[in-house]
């Protein structure tokens, strides 16, 4: 057998013990609330800051 080859017989009839696997629950920490924040900056100032941040990334 060459490099990277495998015995296909080893790939058949594999048993898995799924009972011991801890599954991830993606909706465990869903949040249906509301997010608010206060800022003394105007919308135009915030947009300007965002533009500056995007320019810094480039």
PDB file of N, CA and C in Angstrom:
ATOM      1  N   UNK A   1       0.844  -1.191   0.000  1.00  0.00           N
ATOM      2  CA  UNK A   1       0.000   0.000   0.000  1.00  0.00           C
ATOM      3  C   UNK A   1       0.884   1.246   0.000  1.00  0.00           C
ATOM      4  N   UNK A   2       0.422   2.234  -0.691  1.00  0.00           N
ATOM      5  CA  UNK A   2       1.171   3.472  -0.755  1.00  0.00           C
ATOM      6  C   UNK A   2       0.829   4.403   0.383  1.00  0.00           C
ATOM      7  N   UNK A   3       1.524   5.497   0.429  1.00  0.00           N
ATOM      8  CA  UNK A   3       1.295   6.495   1.469  1.00  0.00           C
ATOM      9  C   UNK A   3      -0.130   7.034   1.374  1.00  0.00           C
ATOM     10  N   UNK A   4      -0.823   7.131   2.499  1.00  0.00           N
ATOM     11  CA  UNK A   4      -2.169   7.680   2.530  1.00  0.00           C
ATOM     12  C   UNK A   4      -3.256   6.670   2.257  1.00  0.00           C
ATOM     13  N   UNK A   5      -2.913   5.444   1.982  1.00  0.00           N
ATOM     14  CA  UNK A   5      -3.936   4.436   1.723  1.00  0.00           C
ATOM     15  C   UNK A   5      -4.382   3.826   3.051  1.00  0.00           C
ATOM     16  N   UNK A   6      -5.491   3.172   3.034  1.00  0.00           N
ATOM     17  CA  UNK A   6      -6.020   2.549   4.246  1.00  0.00           C
ATOM     18  C   UNK A   6      -6.740   1.265   3.877  1.00  0.00           C
ATOM     19  N   UNK A   7      -6.939   0.467   4.865  1.00  0.00           N
ATOM     20  CA  UNK A   7      -7.629  -0.800   4.674  1.00  0.00           C
ATOM     21  C   UNK A   7      -9.125  -0.549   4.798  1.00  0.00           C
ATOM     22  N   UNK A   8      -9.863  -0.686   3.722  1.00  0.00           N
ATOM     23  CA  UNK A   8     -11.296  -0.400   3.734  1.00  0.00           C
ATOM     24  C   UNK A   8     -12.058  -1.305   4.695  1.00  0.00           C
ATOM     25  N   UNK A   9     -11.541  -2.485   4.960  1.00  0.00           N
ATOM     26  CA  UNK A   9     -12.235  -3.381   5.884  1.00  0.00           C
ATOM     27  C   UNK A   9     -12.270  -2.803   7.298  1.00  0.00           C
ATOM     28  N   UNK A  10     -11.306  -1.960   7.639  1.00  0.00           N
ATOM     29  CA  UNK A  10     -11.292  -1.327   8.956  1.00  0.00           C
ATOM     30  C   UNK A  10     -12.365  -0.242   9.066  1.00  0.00           C
ATOM     31  N   UNK A  11     -12.827   0.255   7.939  1.00  0.00           N
ATOM     32  CA  UNK A  11     -13.814   1.330   7.940  1.00  0.00           C
ATOM     33  C   UNK A  11     -15.246   0.808   8.025  1.00  0.00           C
ATOM     34  N   UNK A  12     -15.443  -0.471   7.830  1.00  0.00           N
ATOM     35  CA  UNK A  12     -16.779  -1.047   7.853  1.00  0.00           C
ATOM     36  C   UNK A  12     -17.116  -1.532   9.259  1.00  0.00           C
ATOM     37  N   UNK A  13     -18.372  -1.517   9.568  1.00  0.00           N
ATOM     38  CA  UNK A  13     -18.900  -2.069  10.814  1.00  0.00           C
ATOM     39  C   UNK A  13     -18.294  -1.435  12.070  1.00  0.00           C
ATOM     40  N   UNK A  14     -18.100  -0.151  12.040  1.00  0.00           N
ATOM     41  CA  UNK A  14     -17.595   0.528  13.228  1.00  0.00           C
ATOM     42  C   UNK A  14     -18.740   0.743  14.201  1.00  0.00           C
ATOM     43  N   UNK A  15     -18.467   0.553  15.463  1.00  0.00           N
ATOM     44  CA  UNK A  15     -19.483   0.771  16.492  1.00  0.00           C
ATOM     45  C   UNK A  15     -19.192   2.086  17.189  1.00  0.00           C
ATOM     46  N   UNK A  16     -20.260   2.810  17.459  1.00  0.00           N
ATOM     47  CA  UNK A  16     -20.123   4.081  18.166  1.00  0.00           C
ATOM     48  C   UNK A  16     -20.945   4.031  19.431  1.00  0.00           C
ATOM     49  N   UNK A  17     -20.415   4.604  20.478  1.00  0.00           N
ATOM     50  CA  UNK A  17     -21.122   4.679  21.743  1.00  0.00           C
ATOM     51  C   UNK A  17     -21.594   6.120  21.922  1.00  0.00           C
ATOM     52  N   UNK A  18     -22.746   6.442  21.305  1.00  0.00           N
ATOM     53  CA  UNK A  18     -23.251   7.814  21.319  1.00  0.00           C
ATOM     54  C   UNK A  18     -23.828   8.240  22.657  1.00  0.00           C
ATOM     55  N   UNK A  19     -24.060   7.317  23.556  1.00  0.00           N
ATOM     56  CA  UNK A  19     -24.673   7.675  24.830  1.00  0.00           C
ATOM     57  C   UNK A  19     -23.732   8.488  25.714  1.00  0.00           C
ATOM     58  N   UNK A  20     -22.427   8.358  25.542  1.00  0.00           N
ATOM     59  CA  UNK A  20     -21.467   9.064  26.384  1.00  0.00           C
ATOM     60  C   UNK A  20     -21.076  10.426  25.819  1.00  0.00           C
ATOM     61  N   UNK A  21     -21.651  10.804  24.691  1.00  0.00           N
ATOM     62  CA  UNK A  21     -21.290  12.054  24.041  1.00  0.00           C
ATOM     63  C   UNK A  21     -22.154  13.183  24.587  1.00  0.00           C
ATOM     64  N   UNK A  22     -21.500  14.277  25.024  1.00  0.00           N
ATOM     65  CA  UNK A  22     -22.233  15.453  25.475  1.00  0.00           C
ATOM     66  C   UNK A  22     -22.582  16.304  24.267  1.00  0.00           C
ATOM     67  N   UNK A  23     -23.850  16.403  23.963  1.00  0.00           N
ATOM     68  CA  UNK A  23     -24.298  17.174  22.808  1.00  0.00           C
ATOM     69  C   UNK A  23     -24.358  18.655  23.158  1.00  0.00           C
ATOM     70  N   UNK A  24     -24.217  19.477  22.153  1.00  0.00           N
ATOM     71  CA  UNK A  24     -24.306  20.919  22.315  1.00  0.00           C
ATOM     72  C   UNK A  24     -25.723  21.348  21.982  1.00  0.00           C
ATOM     73  N   UNK A  25     -26.346  22.082  22.879  1.00  0.00           N
ATOM     74  CA  UNK A  25     -27.677  22.619  22.638  1.00  0.00           C
ATOM     75  C   UNK A  25     -27.518  24.062  22.188  1.00  0.00           C
ATOM     76  N   UNK A  26     -27.793  24.317  20.909  1.00  0.00           N
ATOM     77  CA  UNK A  26     -27.545  25.648  20.360  1.00  0.00           C
ATOM     78  C   UNK A  26     -28.547  26.687  20.840  1.00  0.00           C
ATOM     79  N   UNK A  27     -29.707  26.256  21.295  1.00  0.00           N
ATOM     80  CA  UNK A  27     -30.726  27.207  21.736  1.00  0.00           C
ATOM     81  C   UNK A  27     -30.804  27.319  23.257  1.00  0.00           C
ATOM     82  N   UNK A  28     -29.802  26.786  23.946  1.00  0.00           N
ATOM     83  CA  UNK A  28     -29.813  26.779  25.402  1.00  0.00           C
ATOM     84  C   UNK A  28     -29.820  28.192  25.980  1.00  0.00           C
ATOM     85  N   UNK A  29     -29.124  29.119  25.324  1.00  0.00           N
ATOM     86  CA  UNK A  29     -28.998  30.474  25.853  1.00  0.00           C
ATOM     87  C   UNK A  29     -29.629  31.518  24.940  1.00  0.00           C
ATOM     88  N   UNK A  30     -30.714  31.157  24.262  1.00  0.00           N
ATOM     89  CA  UNK A  30     -31.409  32.128  23.422  1.00  0.00           C
ATOM     90  C   UNK A  30     -31.919  33.276  24.277  1.00  0.00           C
ATOM     91  N   UNK A  31     -31.930  34.451  23.688  1.00  0.00           N
ATOM     92  CA  UNK A  31     -32.387  35.639  24.409  1.00  0.00           C
ATOM     93  C   UNK A  31     -33.462  36.321  23.573  1.00  0.00           C
ATOM     94  N   UNK A  32     -34.632  36.493  24.146  1.00  0.00           N
ATOM     95  CA  UNK A  32     -35.738  37.127  23.439  1.00  0.00           C
ATOM     96  C   UNK A  32     -36.023  38.513  23.990  1.00  0.00           C
ATOM     97  N   UNK A  33     -35.061  39.112  24.651  1.00  0.00           N
ATOM     98  CA  UNK A  33     -35.261  40.418  25.282  1.00  0.00           C
ATOM     99  C   UNK A  33     -34.919  41.557  24.351  1.00  0.00           C
ATOM    100  N   UNK A  34     -34.631  42.675  24.955  1.00  0.00           N
ATOM    101  CA  UNK A  34     -34.349  43.898  24.223  1.00  0.00           C
ATOM    102  C   UNK A  34     -33.011  44.452  24.686  1.00  0.00           C
ATOM    103  N   UNK A  35     -32.237  44.989  23.767  1.00  0.00           N
ATOM    104  CA  UNK A  35     -30.951  45.567  24.078  1.00  0.00           C
ATOM    105  C   UNK A  35     -31.029  47.066  23.851  1.00  0.00           C
ATOM    106  N   UNK A  36     -30.668  47.824  24.862  1.00  0.00           N
ATOM    107  CA  UNK A  36     -30.640  49.277  24.728  1.00  0.00           C
ATOM    108  C   UNK A  36     -29.332  49.799  25.312  1.00  0.00           C
ATOM    109  N   UNK A  37     -28.899  50.945  24.829  1.00  0.00           N
ATOM    110  CA  UNK A  37     -27.731  51.612  25.397  1.00  0.00           C
ATOM    111  C   UNK A  37     -27.897  53.106  25.171  1.00  0.00           C
ATOM    112  N   UNK A  38     -27.220  53.858  25.997  1.00  0.00           N
ATOM    113  CA  UNK A  38     -27.284  55.304  25.886  1.00  0.00           C
ATOM    114  C   UNK A  38     -25.917  55.825  25.483  1.00  0.00           C
ATOM    115  N   UNK A  39     -25.918  56.813  24.614  1.00  0.00           N
ATOM    116  CA  UNK A  39     -24.681  57.427  24.167  1.00  0.00           C
ATOM    117  C   UNK A  39     -24.923  58.916  23.994  1.00  0.00           C
ATOM    118  N   UNK A  40     -23.910  59.676  24.313  1.00  0.00           N
ATOM    119  CA  UNK A  40     -24.013  61.129  24.127  1.00  0.00           C
ATOM    120  C   UNK A  40     -23.670  61.531  22.698  1.00  0.00           C
ATOM    121  N   UNK A  41     -23.226  60.570  21.900  1.00  0.00           N
ATOM    122  CA  UNK A  41     -22.858  60.851  20.523  1.00  0.00           C
ATOM    123  C   UNK A  41     -24.087  60.773  19.620  1.00  0.00           C
ATOM    124  N   UNK A  42     -24.079  61.591  18.573  1.00  0.00           N
ATOM    125  CA  UNK A  42     -25.178  61.552  17.607  1.00  0.00           C
ATOM    126  C   UNK A  42     -24.976  60.371  16.668  1.00  0.00           C
ATOM    127  N   UNK A  43     -26.005  60.062  15.924  1.00  0.00           N
ATOM    128  CA  UNK A  43     -25.923  58.974  14.954  1.00  0.00           C
ATOM    129  C   UNK A  43     -24.820  59.253  13.934  1.00  0.00           C
ATOM    130  N   UNK A  44     -24.711  60.478  13.483  1.00  0.00           N
ATOM    131  CA  UNK A  44     -23.683  60.843  12.505  1.00  0.00           C
ATOM    132  C   UNK A  44     -22.286  60.625  13.079  1.00  0.00           C
ATOM    133  N   UNK A  45     -22.093  60.952  14.351  1.00  0.00           N
ATOM    134  CA  UNK A  45     -20.788  60.749  14.982  1.00  0.00           C
ATOM    135  C   UNK A  45     -20.462  59.259  15.112  1.00  0.00           C
ATOM    136  N   UNK A  46     -21.467  58.475  15.452  1.00  0.00           N
ATOM    137  CA  UNK A  46     -21.256  57.031  15.566  1.00  0.00           C
ATOM    138  C   UNK A  46     -20.919  56.418  14.207  1.00  0.00           C
ATOM    139  N   UNK A  47     -21.615  56.853  13.169  1.00  0.00           N
ATOM    140  CA  UNK A  47     -21.349  56.355  11.817  1.00  0.00           C
ATOM    141  C   UNK A  47     -19.942  56.749  11.382  1.00  0.00           C
ATOM    142  N   UNK A  48     -19.531  57.952  11.737  1.00  0.00           N
ATOM    143  CA  UNK A  48     -18.188  58.410  11.410  1.00  0.00           C
ATOM    144  C   UNK A  48     -17.132  57.553  12.109  1.00  0.00           C
ATOM    145  N   UNK A  49     -17.369  57.240  13.376  1.00  0.00           N
ATOM    146  CA  UNK A  49     -16.442  56.379  14.102  1.00  0.00           C
ATOM    147  C   UNK A  49     -16.380  54.987  13.472  1.00  0.00           C
ATOM    148  N   UNK A  50     -17.508  54.472  13.047  1.00  0.00           N
ATOM    149  CA  UNK A  50     -17.545  53.164  12.387  1.00  0.00           C
ATOM    150  C   UNK A  50     -16.721  53.199  11.105  1.00  0.00           C
ATOM    151  N   UNK A  51     -16.875  54.266  10.350  1.00  0.00           N
ATOM    152  CA  UNK A  51     -16.101  54.414   9.123  1.00  0.00           C
ATOM    153  C   UNK A  51     -14.611  54.446   9.420  1.00  0.00           C
ATOM    154  N   UNK A  52     -14.214  55.132  10.484  1.00  0.00           N
ATOM    155  CA  UNK A  52     -12.802  55.183  10.874  1.00  0.00           C
ATOM    156  C   UNK A  52     -12.287  53.807  11.262  1.00  0.00           C
ATOM    157  N   UNK A  53     -13.105  53.049  11.973  1.00  0.00           N
ATOM    158  CA  UNK A  53     -12.711  51.700  12.372  1.00  0.00           C
ATOM    159  C   UNK A  53     -12.535  50.801  11.150  1.00  0.00           C
ATOM    160  N   UNK A  54     -13.429  50.920  10.174  1.00  0.00           N
ATOM    161  CA  UNK A  54     -13.322  50.119   8.962  1.00  0.00           C
ATOM    162  C   UNK A  54     -12.065  50.502   8.176  1.00  0.00           C
ATOM    163  N   UNK A  55     -11.745  51.793   8.140  1.00  0.00           N
ATOM    164  CA  UNK A  55     -10.546  52.236   7.442  1.00  0.00           C
ATOM    165  C   UNK A  55      -9.281  51.687   8.111  1.00  0.00           C
ATOM    166  N   UNK A  56      -9.289  51.586   9.437  1.00  0.00           N
ATOM    167  CA  UNK A  56      -8.139  51.070  10.172  1.00  0.00           C
ATOM    168  C   UNK A  56      -7.895  49.595   9.861  1.00  0.00           C
ATOM    169  N   UNK A  57      -8.943  48.839   9.570  1.00  0.00           N
ATOM    170  CA  UNK A  57      -8.810  47.412   9.264  1.00  0.00           C
ATOM    171  C   UNK A  57      -8.084  47.191   7.951  1.00  0.00           C
ATOM    172  N   UNK A  58      -8.206  48.106   7.030  1.00  0.00           N
ATOM    173  CA  UNK A  58      -7.596  47.956   5.700  1.00  0.00           C
ATOM    174  C   UNK A  58      -6.174  48.325   5.796  1.00  0.00           C
TER     175      UNK A  58
END
